[in-house]
Amino acid sequence: MIQTIRKSAGLMIVMFVLCGLLFPLTVTAIGQITFPHQANGSLIKQDGKVIGSELIGQQWHSPKYFHGRISAVNYNMDAQQVKDNGGPASGGSNLANSNPQLKQRVEETIHKEGNYLTNDAVSASGSGLDPDITVTNAKAQVKRIAKARGINQVTIERIIQHNKQTSPMTEDYVNVLKMNIELDKVK
């Protein structure tokens, strides 16, 4: 009986070292060496300061910027909120089509943004952290952005084309943060 307990304890220690220490350290090292940008969260820096991630959406309220998808998540936490809460958690609004709150939110968005809106402009993503919008949604925002910035609509349409990603499974899409960074570079 004692011998069985020793063998079991020994096996547990070996498995803990292999699976709990060596494997995670190896995977982390491989990720850092081969894909450091992705392994560190696909962070975007400007002037040495992290301004966001390619993978997590942010809320944009100014008419001078492209707006992302609606979210029940508080993307724009300040440093203290991140420290207290560990950053934004994913989660959609989970409102059914028959829910009056969904209808009210869609009507408010249409009233605020205008009548020509795409599905992804008035609906939340499943995770609530979607950093991308459809090209159609981006094009629907061009007139508002051009007016707010006092720039030519063609310039904004070029930014959309420059950032366009294609996928065989979805409609063409663009990353909101990357486009807004380019907008800020326009003179």
N, C-alpha and C. Protein backbone atom coordinates (compact mmCIF):
# COMPACT_ATOMS: atom_id res chain seq x y z
N MET A 1 0.82 -1.19 0.00
CA MET A 1 0.00 0.00 0.00
C MET A 1 0.86 1.26 0.00
N ILE A 2 1.87 1.34 0.85
CA ILE A 2 2.77 2.50 0.92
C ILE A 2 3.51 2.65 -0.41
N GLN A 3 3.90 1.52 -0.99
CA GLN A 3 4.62 1.56 -2.27
C GLN A 3 3.71 2.15 -3.37
N THR A 4 2.46 1.82 -3.38
CA THR A 4 1.50 2.35 -4.36
C THR A 4 1.32 3.85 -4.17
N ILE A 5 1.25 4.28 -2.91
CA ILE A 5 1.11 5.72 -2.63
C ILE A 5 2.34 6.47 -3.10
N ARG A 6 3.54 5.91 -2.88
CA ARG A 6 4.79 6.55 -3.34
C ARG A 6 4.81 6.67 -4.86
N LYS A 7 4.45 5.59 -5.53
CA LYS A 7 4.43 5.61 -7.00
C LYS A 7 3.43 6.65 -7.50
N SER A 8 2.27 6.69 -6.88
CA SER A 8 1.25 7.67 -7.28
C SER A 8 1.72 9.10 -7.04
N ALA A 9 2.33 9.33 -5.88
CA ALA A 9 2.84 10.67 -5.58
C ALA A 9 3.97 11.04 -6.53
N GLY A 10 4.85 10.08 -6.82
CA GLY A 10 5.95 10.33 -7.76
C GLY A 10 5.43 10.66 -9.15
N LEU A 11 4.43 9.88 -9.61
CA LEU A 11 3.83 10.14 -10.92
C LEU A 11 3.16 11.51 -10.94
N MET A 12 2.50 11.88 -9.86
CA MET A 12 1.85 13.18 -9.78
C MET A 12 2.89 14.31 -9.87
N ILE A 13 4.00 14.17 -9.21
CA ILE A 13 5.06 15.20 -9.26
C ILE A 13 5.65 15.30 -10.65
N VAL A 14 5.92 14.14 -11.28
CA VAL A 14 6.47 14.13 -12.64
C VAL A 14 5.49 14.80 -13.61
N MET A 15 4.21 14.45 -13.53
CA MET A 15 3.20 15.04 -14.42
C MET A 15 3.04 16.53 -14.17
N PHE A 16 3.12 16.95 -12.91
CA PHE A 16 3.04 18.37 -12.59
C PHE A 16 4.19 19.12 -13.23
N VAL A 17 5.39 18.59 -13.12
CA VAL A 17 6.57 19.24 -13.71
C VAL A 17 6.45 19.28 -15.23
N LEU A 18 6.05 18.14 -15.84
CA LEU A 18 5.93 18.10 -17.30
C LEU A 18 4.80 18.98 -17.82
N CYS A 19 3.61 18.78 -17.28
CA CYS A 19 2.42 19.47 -17.80
C CYS A 19 2.20 20.87 -17.23
N GLY A 20 2.64 21.07 -16.00
CA GLY A 20 2.39 22.35 -15.35
C GLY A 20 3.52 23.34 -15.48
N LEU A 21 4.72 22.87 -15.80
CA LEU A 21 5.87 23.77 -15.91
C LEU A 21 6.55 23.71 -17.28
N LEU A 22 7.04 22.53 -17.64
CA LEU A 22 7.83 22.42 -18.88
C LEU A 22 7.01 22.70 -20.13
N PHE A 23 5.83 22.10 -20.24
CA PHE A 23 5.01 22.31 -21.43
C PHE A 23 4.62 23.79 -21.61
N PRO A 24 4.04 24.45 -20.60
CA PRO A 24 3.69 25.87 -20.78
C PRO A 24 4.90 26.75 -21.08
N LEU A 25 6.04 26.48 -20.44
CA LEU A 25 7.24 27.28 -20.70
C LEU A 25 7.74 27.06 -22.13
N THR A 26 7.67 25.82 -22.61
CA THR A 26 8.09 25.52 -23.99
C THR A 26 7.19 26.21 -25.00
N VAL A 27 5.89 26.09 -24.80
CA VAL A 27 4.94 26.72 -25.72
C VAL A 27 5.11 28.24 -25.70
N THR A 28 5.30 28.83 -24.54
CA THR A 28 5.52 30.27 -24.43
C THR A 28 6.80 30.68 -25.15
N ALA A 29 7.86 29.93 -24.95
CA ALA A 29 9.14 30.25 -25.61
C ALA A 29 9.02 30.16 -27.13
N ILE A 30 8.38 29.11 -27.62
CA ILE A 30 8.19 28.96 -29.07
C ILE A 30 7.37 30.13 -29.62
N GLY A 31 6.30 30.49 -28.92
CA GLY A 31 5.47 31.62 -29.34
C GLY A 31 6.25 32.92 -29.37
N GLN A 32 7.05 33.18 -28.34
CA GLN A 32 7.82 34.42 -28.26
C GLN A 32 8.88 34.49 -29.35
N ILE A 33 9.45 33.35 -29.72
CA ILE A 33 10.50 33.32 -30.74
C ILE A 33 9.93 33.40 -32.15
N THR A 34 8.89 32.62 -32.42
CA THR A 34 8.37 32.54 -33.78
C THR A 34 7.30 33.58 -34.11
N PHE A 35 6.45 33.93 -33.16
CA PHE A 35 5.36 34.89 -33.39
C PHE A 35 5.26 35.88 -32.24
N PRO A 36 6.27 36.72 -32.01
CA PRO A 36 6.24 37.59 -30.82
C PRO A 36 5.08 38.59 -30.82
N HIS A 37 4.72 39.13 -31.98
CA HIS A 37 3.62 40.11 -32.03
C HIS A 37 2.31 39.47 -31.58
N GLN A 38 2.00 38.30 -32.14
CA GLN A 38 0.76 37.61 -31.80
C GLN A 38 0.80 37.07 -30.37
N ALA A 39 1.94 36.55 -29.95
CA ALA A 39 2.05 35.98 -28.60
C ALA A 39 1.87 37.03 -27.51
N ASN A 40 2.12 38.28 -27.84
CA ASN A 40 1.98 39.36 -26.87
C ASN A 40 0.69 40.14 -27.04
N GLY A 41 -0.30 39.56 -27.71
CA GLY A 41 -1.63 40.17 -27.79
C GLY A 41 -1.88 41.03 -29.00
N SER A 42 -1.00 40.98 -30.02
CA SER A 42 -1.16 41.79 -31.24
C SER A 42 -1.39 43.26 -30.89
N LEU A 43 -0.55 43.76 -29.98
CA LEU A 43 -0.69 45.14 -29.51
C LEU A 43 -0.22 46.14 -30.55
N ILE A 44 -0.90 47.26 -30.62
CA ILE A 44 -0.53 48.36 -31.51
C ILE A 44 0.02 49.48 -30.65
N LYS A 45 1.22 49.92 -30.99
CA LYS A 45 1.87 50.99 -30.24
C LYS A 45 2.00 52.23 -31.11
N GLN A 46 1.93 53.37 -30.44
CA GLN A 46 2.13 54.65 -31.11
C GLN A 46 2.99 55.49 -30.17
N ASP A 47 4.12 55.94 -30.67
CA ASP A 47 5.07 56.70 -29.86
C ASP A 47 5.49 55.92 -28.60
N GLY A 48 5.66 54.60 -28.75
CA GLY A 48 6.10 53.75 -27.64
C GLY A 48 5.02 53.41 -26.62
N LYS A 49 3.81 53.88 -26.83
CA LYS A 49 2.71 53.64 -25.89
C LYS A 49 1.68 52.72 -26.54
N VAL A 50 1.22 51.72 -25.80
CA VAL A 50 0.20 50.81 -26.31
C VAL A 50 -1.12 51.57 -26.39
N ILE A 51 -1.73 51.55 -27.59
CA ILE A 51 -3.01 52.24 -27.77
C ILE A 51 -4.17 51.27 -28.00
N GLY A 52 -3.85 49.99 -28.14
CA GLY A 52 -4.90 49.01 -28.33
C GLY A 52 -4.35 47.71 -28.89
N SER A 53 -5.26 46.82 -29.21
CA SER A 53 -4.92 45.53 -29.79
C SER A 53 -5.70 45.36 -31.08
N GLU A 54 -5.08 44.67 -32.02
CA GLU A 54 -5.77 44.35 -33.28
C GLU A 54 -6.94 43.41 -33.03
N LEU A 55 -6.94 42.74 -31.89
CA LEU A 55 -7.89 41.67 -31.63
C LEU A 55 -9.06 42.05 -30.73
N ILE A 56 -9.00 43.21 -30.10
CA ILE A 56 -10.06 43.62 -29.17
C ILE A 56 -10.58 44.99 -29.59
N GLY A 57 -11.87 45.08 -29.79
CA GLY A 57 -12.47 46.34 -30.22
C GLY A 57 -12.43 47.41 -29.15
N GLN A 58 -12.62 48.64 -29.59
CA GLN A 58 -12.71 49.78 -28.69
C GLN A 58 -13.94 50.59 -29.10
N GLN A 59 -14.46 51.34 -28.18
CA GLN A 59 -15.60 52.21 -28.50
C GLN A 59 -15.08 53.54 -29.00
N TRP A 60 -15.66 54.02 -30.08
CA TRP A 60 -15.33 55.32 -30.66
C TRP A 60 -16.62 56.10 -30.73
N HIS A 61 -16.63 57.28 -30.14
CA HIS A 61 -17.86 58.07 -30.10
C HIS A 61 -17.79 59.33 -30.94
N SER A 62 -16.60 59.84 -31.20
CA SER A 62 -16.45 61.06 -31.97
C SER A 62 -16.86 60.83 -33.42
N PRO A 63 -17.54 61.81 -34.03
CA PRO A 63 -17.92 61.66 -35.44
C PRO A 63 -16.70 61.66 -36.37
N LYS A 64 -15.52 61.99 -35.85
CA LYS A 64 -14.29 62.03 -36.66
C LYS A 64 -13.69 60.64 -36.89
N TYR A 65 -14.27 59.62 -36.24
CA TYR A 65 -13.70 58.27 -36.31
C TYR A 65 -14.71 57.24 -36.81
N PHE A 66 -14.18 56.14 -37.34
CA PHE A 66 -15.03 54.99 -37.64
C PHE A 66 -15.53 54.43 -36.31
N HIS A 67 -16.78 54.03 -36.29
CA HIS A 67 -17.36 53.43 -35.09
C HIS A 67 -17.40 51.93 -35.27
N GLY A 68 -17.07 51.20 -34.21
CA GLY A 68 -17.10 49.74 -34.23
C GLY A 68 -18.50 49.23 -33.95
N ARG A 69 -18.56 47.94 -33.69
CA ARG A 69 -19.84 47.31 -33.40
C ARG A 69 -20.33 47.66 -32.01
N ILE A 70 -21.63 47.58 -31.83
CA ILE A 70 -22.25 47.81 -30.53
C ILE A 70 -21.78 46.72 -29.59
N SER A 71 -21.57 47.07 -28.33
CA SER A 71 -21.11 46.08 -27.38
C SER A 71 -21.69 46.32 -26.00
N ALA A 72 -21.94 45.22 -25.30
CA ALA A 72 -22.38 45.30 -23.90
C ALA A 72 -21.16 45.38 -22.99
N VAL A 73 -19.97 45.30 -23.58
CA VAL A 73 -18.71 45.28 -22.83
C VAL A 73 -18.15 46.69 -22.74
N ASN A 74 -17.59 47.05 -21.58
CA ASN A 74 -16.91 48.33 -21.42
C ASN A 74 -15.47 48.18 -21.92
N TYR A 75 -15.26 48.45 -23.23
CA TYR A 75 -13.93 48.32 -23.83
C TYR A 75 -12.92 49.27 -23.19
N ASN A 76 -13.33 50.51 -23.05
CA ASN A 76 -12.41 51.59 -22.74
C ASN A 76 -12.20 51.78 -21.24
N MET A 77 -11.70 50.75 -20.61
CA MET A 77 -11.42 50.84 -19.18
C MET A 77 -10.15 51.66 -18.96
N ASP A 78 -10.14 52.43 -17.89
CA ASP A 78 -8.90 53.12 -17.56
C ASP A 78 -8.00 52.16 -16.79
N ALA A 79 -6.77 52.59 -16.50
CA ALA A 79 -5.77 51.72 -15.87
C ALA A 79 -6.25 51.16 -14.54
N GLN A 80 -6.94 51.97 -13.74
CA GLN A 80 -7.43 51.50 -12.44
C GLN A 80 -8.50 50.43 -12.61
N GLN A 81 -9.40 50.63 -13.58
CA GLN A 81 -10.45 49.63 -13.82
C GLN A 81 -9.84 48.31 -14.29
N VAL A 82 -8.82 48.37 -15.13
CA VAL A 82 -8.14 47.15 -15.58
C VAL A 82 -7.50 46.45 -14.40
N LYS A 83 -6.85 47.24 -13.53
CA LYS A 83 -6.21 46.67 -12.34
C LYS A 83 -7.25 46.01 -11.43
N ASP A 84 -8.38 46.67 -11.23
CA ASP A 84 -9.43 46.15 -10.35
C ASP A 84 -10.18 44.96 -10.95
N ASN A 85 -10.42 45.01 -12.27
CA ASN A 85 -11.27 44.02 -12.91
C ASN A 85 -10.55 43.06 -13.84
N GLY A 86 -9.27 43.29 -14.10
CA GLY A 86 -8.54 42.40 -14.99
C GLY A 86 -8.84 42.62 -16.45
N GLY A 87 -9.28 43.78 -16.84
CA GLY A 87 -9.56 44.07 -18.24
C GLY A 87 -10.98 43.70 -18.61
N PRO A 88 -11.38 44.04 -19.85
CA PRO A 88 -12.75 43.77 -20.26
C PRO A 88 -12.99 42.28 -20.44
N ALA A 89 -14.15 41.82 -20.01
CA ALA A 89 -14.54 40.43 -20.21
C ALA A 89 -15.41 40.35 -21.45
N SER A 90 -15.36 39.24 -22.14
CA SER A 90 -16.19 39.10 -23.32
C SER A 90 -17.62 38.77 -22.94
N GLY A 91 -18.52 39.03 -23.86
CA GLY A 91 -19.92 38.70 -23.62
C GLY A 91 -20.82 39.57 -24.46
N GLY A 92 -21.72 38.94 -25.17
CA GLY A 92 -22.68 39.68 -25.98
C GLY A 92 -23.84 40.15 -25.13
N SER A 93 -24.74 40.89 -25.75
CA SER A 93 -25.90 41.39 -25.03
C SER A 93 -26.94 40.31 -24.81
N ASN A 94 -26.92 39.28 -25.66
CA ASN A 94 -27.85 38.15 -25.57
C ASN A 94 -29.32 38.58 -25.60
N LEU A 95 -29.62 39.63 -26.33
CA LEU A 95 -31.00 40.07 -26.46
C LEU A 95 -31.64 39.35 -27.66
N ALA A 96 -32.79 38.75 -27.44
CA ALA A 96 -33.49 38.05 -28.50
C ALA A 96 -34.14 39.05 -29.45
N ASN A 97 -34.45 38.60 -30.66
CA ASN A 97 -35.10 39.48 -31.63
C ASN A 97 -36.44 40.00 -31.13
N SER A 98 -37.08 39.26 -30.25
CA SER A 98 -38.38 39.68 -29.73
C SER A 98 -38.26 40.61 -28.52
N ASN A 99 -37.06 40.87 -28.05
CA ASN A 99 -36.85 41.69 -26.86
C ASN A 99 -37.04 43.18 -27.19
N PRO A 100 -37.90 43.88 -26.46
CA PRO A 100 -38.13 45.31 -26.72
C PRO A 100 -36.87 46.17 -26.53
N GLN A 101 -35.95 45.74 -25.65
CA GLN A 101 -34.71 46.49 -25.45
C GLN A 101 -33.85 46.48 -26.72
N LEU A 102 -33.84 45.34 -27.44
CA LEU A 102 -33.09 45.26 -28.69
C LEU A 102 -33.69 46.21 -29.72
N LYS A 103 -35.00 46.21 -29.84
CA LYS A 103 -35.68 47.10 -30.78
C LYS A 103 -35.37 48.56 -30.45
N GLN A 104 -35.41 48.91 -29.16
CA GLN A 104 -35.13 50.29 -28.73
C GLN A 104 -33.67 50.66 -29.05
N ARG A 105 -32.73 49.76 -28.79
CA ARG A 105 -31.32 50.04 -29.06
C ARG A 105 -31.08 50.25 -30.56
N VAL A 106 -31.71 49.42 -31.38
CA VAL A 106 -31.56 49.55 -32.84
C VAL A 106 -32.15 50.89 -33.29
N GLU A 107 -33.33 51.25 -32.80
CA GLU A 107 -33.96 52.52 -33.17
C GLU A 107 -33.10 53.71 -32.74
N GLU A 108 -32.51 53.64 -31.54
CA GLU A 108 -31.64 54.72 -31.06
C GLU A 108 -30.39 54.85 -31.93
N THR A 109 -29.84 53.72 -32.34
CA THR A 109 -28.65 53.74 -33.20
C THR A 109 -28.99 54.34 -34.56
N ILE A 110 -30.12 53.95 -35.12
CA ILE A 110 -30.54 54.49 -36.41
C ILE A 110 -30.77 55.99 -36.31
N HIS A 111 -31.41 56.43 -35.23
CA HIS A 111 -31.67 57.85 -35.03
C HIS A 111 -30.35 58.63 -34.91
N LYS A 112 -29.39 58.06 -34.20
CA LYS A 112 -28.10 58.72 -33.96
C LYS A 112 -27.22 58.72 -35.21
N GLU A 113 -27.16 57.57 -35.89
CA GLU A 113 -26.22 57.40 -37.00
C GLU A 113 -26.82 57.68 -38.38
N GLY A 114 -28.11 57.54 -38.54
CA GLY A 114 -28.73 57.74 -39.85
C GLY A 114 -29.43 56.48 -40.30
N ASN A 115 -30.19 56.61 -41.37
CA ASN A 115 -31.01 55.49 -41.83
C ASN A 115 -30.23 54.42 -42.58
N TYR A 116 -29.14 54.77 -43.26
CA TYR A 116 -28.41 53.77 -44.02
C TYR A 116 -27.39 53.08 -43.14
N LEU A 117 -27.82 52.01 -42.50
CA LEU A 117 -26.94 51.27 -41.61
C LEU A 117 -26.93 49.80 -42.01
N THR A 118 -25.81 49.16 -41.78
CA THR A 118 -25.69 47.74 -42.06
C THR A 118 -26.07 46.94 -40.83
N ASN A 119 -26.22 45.64 -41.02
CA ASN A 119 -26.58 44.76 -39.91
C ASN A 119 -25.57 44.85 -38.78
N ASP A 120 -24.27 44.86 -39.11
CA ASP A 120 -23.26 44.90 -38.05
C ASP A 120 -23.14 46.26 -37.39
N ALA A 121 -23.80 47.28 -37.93
CA ALA A 121 -23.79 48.59 -37.28
C ALA A 121 -24.82 48.67 -36.15
N VAL A 122 -25.82 47.81 -36.21
CA VAL A 122 -26.87 47.85 -35.19
C VAL A 122 -26.94 46.59 -34.33
N SER A 123 -26.09 45.60 -34.64
CA SER A 123 -26.11 44.37 -33.85
C SER A 123 -24.75 44.16 -33.18
N ALA A 124 -24.78 43.55 -32.02
CA ALA A 124 -23.55 43.27 -31.29
C ALA A 124 -22.95 41.96 -31.77
N SER A 125 -21.63 41.82 -31.64
CA SER A 125 -20.99 40.56 -31.97
C SER A 125 -21.22 39.58 -30.83
N GLY A 126 -21.00 38.31 -31.10
CA GLY A 126 -21.22 37.28 -30.08
C GLY A 126 -20.35 37.47 -28.85
N SER A 127 -19.08 37.85 -29.05
CA SER A 127 -18.18 38.02 -27.92
C SER A 127 -18.28 39.40 -27.30
N GLY A 128 -18.74 40.37 -28.08
CA GLY A 128 -18.79 41.74 -27.60
C GLY A 128 -17.46 42.45 -27.72
N LEU A 129 -16.44 41.78 -28.27
CA LEU A 129 -15.10 42.37 -28.37
C LEU A 129 -14.61 42.48 -29.81
N ASP A 130 -15.51 42.41 -30.77
CA ASP A 130 -15.14 42.37 -32.18
C ASP A 130 -14.43 43.65 -32.61
N PRO A 131 -13.19 43.56 -33.12
CA PRO A 131 -12.46 44.75 -33.54
C PRO A 131 -12.74 45.17 -34.98
N ASP A 132 -13.50 44.37 -35.70
CA ASP A 132 -13.71 44.59 -37.13
C ASP A 132 -15.16 44.95 -37.44
N ILE A 133 -15.32 45.64 -38.57
CA ILE A 133 -16.64 45.91 -39.13
C ILE A 133 -16.58 45.54 -40.60
N THR A 134 -17.74 45.39 -41.21
CA THR A 134 -17.77 45.08 -42.64
C THR A 134 -17.36 46.31 -43.44
N VAL A 135 -16.88 46.07 -44.64
CA VAL A 135 -16.52 47.17 -45.54
C VAL A 135 -17.76 48.01 -45.83
N THR A 136 -18.90 47.36 -45.97
CA THR A 136 -20.15 48.08 -46.21
C THR A 136 -20.46 49.04 -45.07
N ASN A 137 -20.27 48.59 -43.84
CA ASN A 137 -20.48 49.43 -42.66
C ASN A 137 -19.50 50.61 -42.69
N ALA A 138 -18.23 50.34 -43.00
CA ALA A 138 -17.23 51.41 -43.05
C ALA A 138 -17.60 52.45 -44.11
N LYS A 139 -18.03 52.00 -45.27
CA LYS A 139 -18.40 52.92 -46.35
C LYS A 139 -19.61 53.77 -45.97
N ALA A 140 -20.50 53.21 -45.16
CA ALA A 140 -21.67 53.97 -44.72
C ALA A 140 -21.28 55.12 -43.79
N GLN A 141 -20.09 55.06 -43.20
CA GLN A 141 -19.64 56.09 -42.26
C GLN A 141 -18.77 57.17 -42.91
N VAL A 142 -18.42 56.98 -44.17
CA VAL A 142 -17.49 57.88 -44.86
C VAL A 142 -17.97 59.33 -44.86
N LYS A 143 -19.22 59.55 -45.21
CA LYS A 143 -19.75 60.92 -45.32
C LYS A 143 -19.65 61.66 -43.98
N ARG A 144 -20.04 60.98 -42.89
CA ARG A 144 -19.97 61.59 -41.55
C ARG A 144 -18.54 61.96 -41.18
N ILE A 145 -17.61 61.06 -41.43
CA ILE A 145 -16.21 61.30 -41.07
C ILE A 145 -15.62 62.43 -41.90
N ALA A 146 -15.91 62.42 -43.21
CA ALA A 146 -15.39 63.48 -44.09
C ALA A 146 -15.89 64.85 -43.65
N LYS A 147 -17.16 64.94 -43.30
CA LYS A 147 -17.73 66.20 -42.84
C LYS A 147 -17.09 66.65 -41.53
N ALA A 148 -16.93 65.72 -40.58
CA ALA A 148 -16.37 66.07 -39.27
C ALA A 148 -14.90 66.47 -39.35
N ARG A 149 -14.17 65.88 -40.29
CA ARG A 149 -12.74 66.17 -40.42
C ARG A 149 -12.44 67.23 -41.47
N GLY A 150 -13.42 67.53 -42.29
CA GLY A 150 -13.18 68.50 -43.37
C GLY A 150 -12.22 67.97 -44.42
N ILE A 151 -12.30 66.68 -44.72
CA ILE A 151 -11.44 66.08 -45.74
C ILE A 151 -12.29 65.43 -46.81
N ASN A 152 -11.64 65.09 -47.92
CA ASN A 152 -12.29 64.49 -49.07
C ASN A 152 -12.73 63.06 -48.76
N GLN A 153 -13.92 62.68 -49.23
CA GLN A 153 -14.42 61.32 -49.02
C GLN A 153 -13.53 60.27 -49.69
N VAL A 154 -12.91 60.62 -50.79
CA VAL A 154 -12.03 59.69 -51.52
C VAL A 154 -10.86 59.26 -50.63
N THR A 155 -10.34 60.18 -49.85
CA THR A 155 -9.23 59.86 -48.94
C THR A 155 -9.66 58.79 -47.94
N ILE A 156 -10.85 58.93 -47.41
CA ILE A 156 -11.36 57.97 -46.43
C ILE A 156 -11.63 56.62 -47.10
N GLU A 157 -12.15 56.65 -48.32
CA GLU A 157 -12.41 55.40 -49.06
C GLU A 157 -11.10 54.67 -49.37
N ARG A 158 -10.01 55.41 -49.60
CA ARG A 158 -8.70 54.78 -49.80
C ARG A 158 -8.23 54.07 -48.52
N ILE A 159 -8.49 54.69 -47.39
CA ILE A 159 -8.12 54.06 -46.11
C ILE A 159 -8.88 52.74 -45.95
N ILE A 160 -10.14 52.74 -46.31
CA ILE A 160 -10.93 51.50 -46.22
C ILE A 160 -10.33 50.44 -47.13
N GLN A 161 -10.04 50.81 -48.38
CA GLN A 161 -9.47 49.84 -49.33
C GLN A 161 -8.11 49.32 -48.87
N HIS A 162 -7.31 50.20 -48.29
CA HIS A 162 -5.97 49.81 -47.82
C HIS A 162 -6.06 48.78 -46.68
N ASN A 163 -7.11 48.87 -45.87
CA ASN A 163 -7.26 47.99 -44.71
C ASN A 163 -8.18 46.80 -44.94
N LYS A 164 -8.75 46.70 -46.12
CA LYS A 164 -9.73 45.65 -46.42
C LYS A 164 -9.11 44.25 -46.34
N GLN A 165 -9.80 43.38 -45.62
CA GLN A 165 -9.41 41.97 -45.50
C GLN A 165 -10.53 41.14 -46.12
N THR A 166 -10.16 40.09 -46.83
CA THR A 166 -11.17 39.22 -47.43
C THR A 166 -11.13 37.85 -46.76
N SER A 167 -12.27 37.23 -46.74
CA SER A 167 -12.41 35.90 -46.17
C SER A 167 -13.44 35.15 -46.99
N PRO A 168 -13.19 33.87 -47.28
CA PRO A 168 -14.19 33.11 -48.04
C PRO A 168 -15.45 32.82 -47.23
N MET A 169 -15.39 32.98 -45.91
CA MET A 169 -16.51 32.64 -45.04
C MET A 169 -17.39 33.85 -44.67
N THR A 170 -16.85 35.07 -44.81
CA THR A 170 -17.60 36.25 -44.38
C THR A 170 -17.51 37.35 -45.43
N GLU A 171 -18.26 38.41 -45.17
CA GLU A 171 -18.17 39.61 -45.99
C GLU A 171 -16.81 40.27 -45.74
N ASP A 172 -16.28 41.01 -46.72
CA ASP A 172 -15.02 41.72 -46.52
C ASP A 172 -15.12 42.61 -45.29
N TYR A 173 -14.02 42.72 -44.56
CA TYR A 173 -14.03 43.46 -43.30
C TYR A 173 -12.78 44.31 -43.14
N VAL A 174 -12.83 45.23 -42.18
CA VAL A 174 -11.72 46.14 -41.88
C VAL A 174 -11.58 46.26 -40.37
N ASN A 175 -10.36 46.54 -39.92
CA ASN A 175 -10.08 46.73 -38.50
C ASN A 175 -10.29 48.20 -38.16
N VAL A 176 -11.16 48.48 -37.22
CA VAL A 176 -11.54 49.85 -36.87
C VAL A 176 -10.36 50.63 -36.31
N LEU A 177 -9.60 50.05 -35.40
CA LEU A 177 -8.47 50.76 -34.79
C LEU A 177 -7.43 51.14 -35.84
N LYS A 178 -7.10 50.22 -36.72
CA LYS A 178 -6.09 50.51 -37.75
C LYS A 178 -6.55 51.65 -38.66
N MET A 179 -7.84 51.66 -39.03
CA MET A 179 -8.34 52.74 -39.89
C MET A 179 -8.33 54.07 -39.15
N ASN A 180 -8.70 54.07 -37.88
CA ASN A 180 -8.71 55.33 -37.12
C ASN A 180 -7.30 55.88 -36.92
N ILE A 181 -6.32 55.01 -36.79
CA ILE A 181 -4.93 55.46 -36.71
C ILE A 181 -4.54 56.15 -38.02
N GLU A 182 -4.92 55.54 -39.15
CA GLU A 182 -4.63 56.16 -40.44
C GLU A 182 -5.36 57.47 -40.63
N LEU A 183 -6.58 57.56 -40.13
CA LEU A 183 -7.33 58.83 -40.22
C LEU A 183 -6.57 59.95 -39.50
N ASP A 184 -6.01 59.63 -38.34
CA ASP A 184 -5.29 60.65 -37.59
C ASP A 184 -4.00 61.10 -38.28
N LYS A 185 -3.51 60.31 -39.23
CA LYS A 185 -2.30 60.68 -39.95
C LYS A 185 -2.59 61.57 -41.16
N VAL A 186 -3.87 61.65 -41.56
CA VAL A 186 -4.26 62.47 -42.71
C VAL A 186 -4.12 63.94 -42.33
N LYS A 187 -3.44 64.69 -43.17
CA LYS A 187 -3.24 66.13 -42.92
C LYS A 187 -4.41 66.91 -43.46
